[in-house]
Protein backbone atom coordinates (compact mmCIF):
# COMPACT_ATOMS: atom_id res chain seq x y z
CA MET A 1 -9.80 -5.38 19.23
CA LEU A 2 -7.31 -7.58 17.39
CA ASP A 3 -4.70 -6.54 14.86
CA SER A 4 -5.93 -8.66 11.97
CA ASN A 5 -4.13 -6.49 9.41
CA GLN A 6 -0.78 -7.38 10.90
CA LEU A 7 -1.63 -11.07 10.88
CA ILE A 8 -2.78 -11.01 7.28
CA ASP A 9 0.30 -9.24 6.01
CA GLY A 10 2.77 -11.06 8.24
CA GLY A 11 5.41 -12.61 6.02
CA ALA A 12 3.76 -11.50 2.77
CA HIS A 13 5.19 -9.00 0.28
CA THR A 14 3.49 -5.63 0.50
CA ASP A 15 5.49 -3.48 -1.88
CA GLY A 16 3.66 -1.97 -4.85
CA GLY A 17 4.33 -1.85 -8.54
CA GLU A 18 2.95 -5.14 -9.85
CA ARG A 19 0.99 -4.92 -13.12
CA ARG A 20 -2.71 -5.62 -13.07
CA SER A 21 -3.56 -9.04 -14.52
CA GLY A 22 -5.76 -12.06 -13.84
CA VAL A 23 -7.63 -11.53 -10.61
CA GLY A 24 -6.58 -7.89 -10.41
CA ASP A 25 -4.00 -5.92 -8.47
CA ARG A 26 -1.74 -7.22 -5.73
CA ALA A 27 -4.23 -6.73 -2.91
CA ASP A 28 -6.95 -8.53 -4.85
CA ARG A 29 -4.69 -11.46 -5.66
CA ARG A 30 -3.38 -11.79 -2.12
CA ARG A 31 -6.93 -11.67 -0.81
CA ALA A 32 -8.03 -14.29 -3.35
CA LEU A 33 -5.25 -16.65 -2.21
CA ILE A 34 -6.23 -16.18 1.42
CA VAL A 35 -9.90 -16.89 0.68
CA ALA A 36 -8.97 -19.97 -1.36
CA ALA A 37 -6.89 -21.32 1.55
CA TYR A 38 -9.73 -20.49 3.97
CA ASP A 39 -12.19 -22.42 1.78
CA ARG A 40 -9.84 -25.40 1.48
CA ILE A 41 -9.58 -25.68 5.27
CA ALA A 42 -13.36 -25.26 5.70
CA ASP A 43 -14.12 -27.96 3.12
CA ALA A 44 -11.37 -30.52 3.67
CA GLY A 45 -9.74 -29.74 6.99
CA PHE A 46 -6.16 -28.73 7.52
CA GLU A 47 -4.98 -31.77 5.59
CA GLY A 48 -6.71 -30.24 2.56
CA LEU A 49 -4.51 -27.15 2.63
CA ARG A 50 -1.99 -27.71 -0.15
CA THR A 51 -0.36 -24.69 -1.70
CA ARG A 52 -0.53 -26.17 -5.21
CA ASP A 53 -4.31 -26.58 -4.90
CA VAL A 54 -4.73 -23.08 -3.44
CA ALA A 55 -2.77 -21.60 -6.34
CA ALA A 56 -4.84 -23.56 -8.86
CA ASP A 57 -8.08 -22.36 -7.27
CA VAL A 58 -7.01 -18.78 -7.96
CA GLY A 59 -5.59 -19.53 -11.40
CA VAL A 60 -1.92 -18.89 -10.63
CA ASN A 61 1.13 -21.12 -10.30
CA VAL A 62 2.86 -22.07 -7.04
CA ALA A 63 5.72 -19.65 -7.69
CA THR A 64 3.24 -16.79 -7.78
CA LEU A 65 1.67 -17.93 -4.51
CA HIS A 66 5.12 -18.02 -2.91
CA TYR A 67 5.75 -14.47 -4.08
CA TYR A 68 2.83 -13.31 -1.96
CA PHE A 69 3.29 -15.87 0.83
CA PRO A 70 6.89 -17.10 0.98
CA THR A 71 6.04 -19.78 3.56
CA LYS A 72 3.02 -21.83 4.52
CA GLU A 73 3.14 -20.05 7.90
CA ALA A 74 2.58 -16.74 6.12
CA LEU A 75 -0.45 -18.18 4.31
CA ILE A 76 -1.84 -19.54 7.59
CA ARG A 77 -1.41 -16.11 9.14
CA GLY A 78 -3.41 -14.74 6.25
CA VAL A 79 -6.21 -17.24 6.88
CA VAL A 80 -6.28 -16.44 10.59
CA GLY A 81 -6.30 -12.74 9.83
CA HIS A 82 -9.18 -13.19 7.37
CA ALA A 83 -11.17 -14.88 10.14
CA LEU A 84 -10.18 -12.25 12.68
CA ARG A 85 -11.53 -9.46 10.53
CA LYS A 86 -14.95 -10.98 11.13
CA PHE A 87 -14.34 -11.16 14.88
CA ALA A 88 -12.92 -7.62 15.03
CA ALA A 89 -16.19 -6.30 13.63
CA THR A 90 -18.06 -7.68 16.68
CA MET A 91 -16.39 -5.27 19.08
CA PRO A 92 -18.07 -1.83 19.27
CA ALA A 93 -15.79 1.13 19.82
CA GLU A 94 -18.25 3.13 21.91
CA GLY A 95 -20.54 2.66 24.89
CA SER A 96 -20.18 1.76 28.53
CA PRO A 97 -18.17 -1.37 29.42
CA ALA A 98 -21.41 -3.33 29.92
CA GLU A 99 -22.85 -2.09 26.62
CA GLN A 100 -19.66 -2.97 24.74
CA LEU A 101 -19.52 -6.41 26.31
CA ARG A 102 -23.19 -7.15 25.65
CA GLN A 103 -22.93 -6.01 22.03
CA HIS A 104 -19.74 -8.04 21.56
CA LEU A 105 -21.40 -11.21 22.83
CA THR A 106 -24.55 -10.62 20.76
CA ALA A 107 -22.53 -10.04 17.59
CA LEU A 108 -20.39 -13.12 18.25
CA ARG A 109 -23.50 -15.25 18.73
CA HIS A 110 -24.89 -14.16 15.37
CA LEU A 111 -21.52 -14.62 13.67
CA LEU A 112 -21.09 -18.20 14.88
CA LYS A 113 -24.64 -19.12 13.88
CA GLU A 114 -24.58 -17.46 10.47
CA GLU A 115 -21.07 -18.49 9.37
CA PRO A 116 -20.52 -22.19 10.11
CA ARG A 117 -17.52 -22.19 7.75
CA LEU A 118 -15.79 -19.80 10.11
CA CYS A 119 -16.37 -22.27 12.95
CA ALA A 120 -14.97 -25.05 10.78
CA VAL A 121 -11.78 -23.13 9.99
CA LEU A 122 -11.12 -21.96 13.54
CA GLY A 123 -11.96 -25.40 14.87
CA GLU A 124 -9.46 -27.02 12.53
CA LEU A 125 -6.76 -24.56 13.49
CA THR A 126 -7.48 -24.89 17.21
CA LEU A 127 -7.39 -28.70 17.14
CA ARG A 128 -4.19 -28.69 15.11
CA ALA A 129 -2.37 -26.14 17.26
CA PRO A 130 -1.17 -28.50 20.04
CA ARG A 131 0.67 -30.57 17.41
CA ASP A 132 1.88 -27.70 15.25
CA PRO A 133 4.10 -25.00 16.83
CA VAL A 134 3.57 -22.65 13.88
CA ILE A 135 -0.22 -22.65 14.24
CA ALA A 136 0.11 -22.53 18.03
CA SER A 137 2.19 -19.37 17.74
CA VAL A 138 -0.29 -17.73 15.38
CA LEU A 139 -3.30 -18.52 17.58
CA ARG A 140 -1.50 -17.50 20.75
CA GLY A 141 -0.96 -14.11 19.17
CA THR A 142 -4.74 -13.72 18.82
CA ASP A 143 -5.94 -15.23 22.10
CA ASP A 144 -3.75 -13.06 24.31
CA PRO A 145 -5.01 -9.71 22.93
CA TRP A 146 -8.61 -10.96 23.14
CA HIS A 147 -8.07 -11.98 26.77
CA ARG A 148 -6.58 -8.58 27.60
CA MET A 149 -9.45 -6.77 25.89
CA LEU A 150 -12.11 -8.75 27.75
CA GLY A 151 -10.24 -8.44 31.06
CA ASP A 152 -10.13 -4.67 30.65
CA LEU A 153 -13.88 -4.56 29.94
CA PHE A 154 -14.58 -6.66 33.03
CA ARG A 155 -12.41 -4.42 35.21
CA ARG A 156 -14.12 -1.26 34.02
CA GLY A 157 -17.56 -2.86 34.26
CA ILE A 158 -16.92 -3.92 37.86
CA ALA A 159 -15.66 -0.44 38.73
CA ASP A 160 -18.81 1.08 37.18
CA GLY A 161 -21.01 -1.26 39.20
CA CYS A 162 -22.68 -2.85 36.16
CA LEU A 163 -20.90 -6.20 36.56
CA ASP A 164 -20.78 -8.43 39.63
CA SER A 165 -18.00 -7.27 41.95
CA ARG A 166 -17.23 -10.91 42.82
CA LEU A 167 -15.95 -11.53 39.30
CA ASP A 168 -12.23 -11.84 38.81
CA PRO A 169 -11.59 -9.98 35.52
CA ASP A 170 -8.87 -12.30 34.22
CA ASP A 171 -10.68 -15.47 35.28
CA ALA A 172 -13.94 -14.21 33.74
CA ALA A 173 -12.13 -13.41 30.48
CA ALA A 174 -10.57 -16.89 30.38
CA LEU A 175 -13.90 -18.63 31.01
CA THR A 176 -15.72 -16.51 28.44
CA ILE A 177 -13.15 -17.29 25.76
CA SER A 178 -13.17 -21.00 26.62
CA ALA A 179 -16.96 -21.16 26.41
CA ILE A 180 -17.06 -19.37 23.06
CA LYS A 181 -14.26 -21.50 21.63
CA GLY A 182 -15.90 -24.67 22.89
CA VAL A 183 -19.26 -24.00 21.28
CA SER A 184 -17.57 -23.03 18.00
CA LEU A 185 -15.73 -26.35 17.59
CA PRO A 186 -16.98 -28.66 14.83
CA THR A 187 -19.72 -31.07 15.88
CA THR A 188 -21.97 -33.66 14.30
CA SER A 189 -24.94 -32.43 16.30
CA PRO A 190 -27.69 -30.77 14.26
CA ARG A 191 -28.50 -28.74 17.36
CA GLN A 192 -25.32 -26.60 17.31
CA PRO A 193 -27.24 -23.33 16.68
CA GLU A 194 -29.36 -24.10 19.74
CA ARG A 195 -26.24 -24.87 21.79
CA ILE A 196 -24.73 -21.55 20.72
CA ASP A 197 -27.83 -19.70 21.94
CA GLN A 198 -27.80 -21.60 25.23
CA THR A 199 -24.13 -20.85 25.84
CA PHE A 200 -24.44 -17.14 25.19
CA ARG A 201 -27.65 -16.81 27.22
CA GLN A 202 -25.94 -18.37 30.21
CA LEU A 203 -22.87 -16.18 29.81
CA GLU A 204 -25.08 -13.10 29.88
CA ARG A 205 -27.01 -14.33 32.94
CA TRP A 206 -23.73 -14.95 34.72
CA LEU A 207 -22.05 -11.67 33.81
CA PHE A 208 -24.71 -8.98 33.99
CA ARG A 209 -26.41 -7.89 37.18
CA ASP A 210 -29.69 -7.00 35.44
């Protein structure tokens, strides 16, 4: 669905050979730094993402963090990639276009309801993107593949006769993404889980002929 591995490793060192110490090998330490940055954004917003604090959370110094992530952009890519791994798991590899789309929407609904911290992180990044070209570039690199994937599913579903032939595949993909992003933004309403259910139920009524 989305190349989260590329996003996570973008800009980070990936060569081997480092001795095991502290939190473990290189992959473990890089992952720990990503999770610490993810948690900082979830708890304190983007303003709470300071590399010195992230390094301290993992028990390393800033120089060590910069070894793994030479720039803040690289660390942000790691955070986005960490989130995308969760989204990538919602896309089944098999089934008819309608089955894949229905399973994708069902899995996304559960993910958004069960992991509010994920909503908080993606919401922070989305709201910050218009004012930050680095974040905008990172998110654009995830939205475009998602749009293409959904558009392809809609095209094949229409051709198979399981989706409404009046749908425009690209327009339907854009509206679906906008609806999912909208319901995942941070809110003060205690009824967000209910709003998530309502949004996904209406998407399914709109998309599927049965």
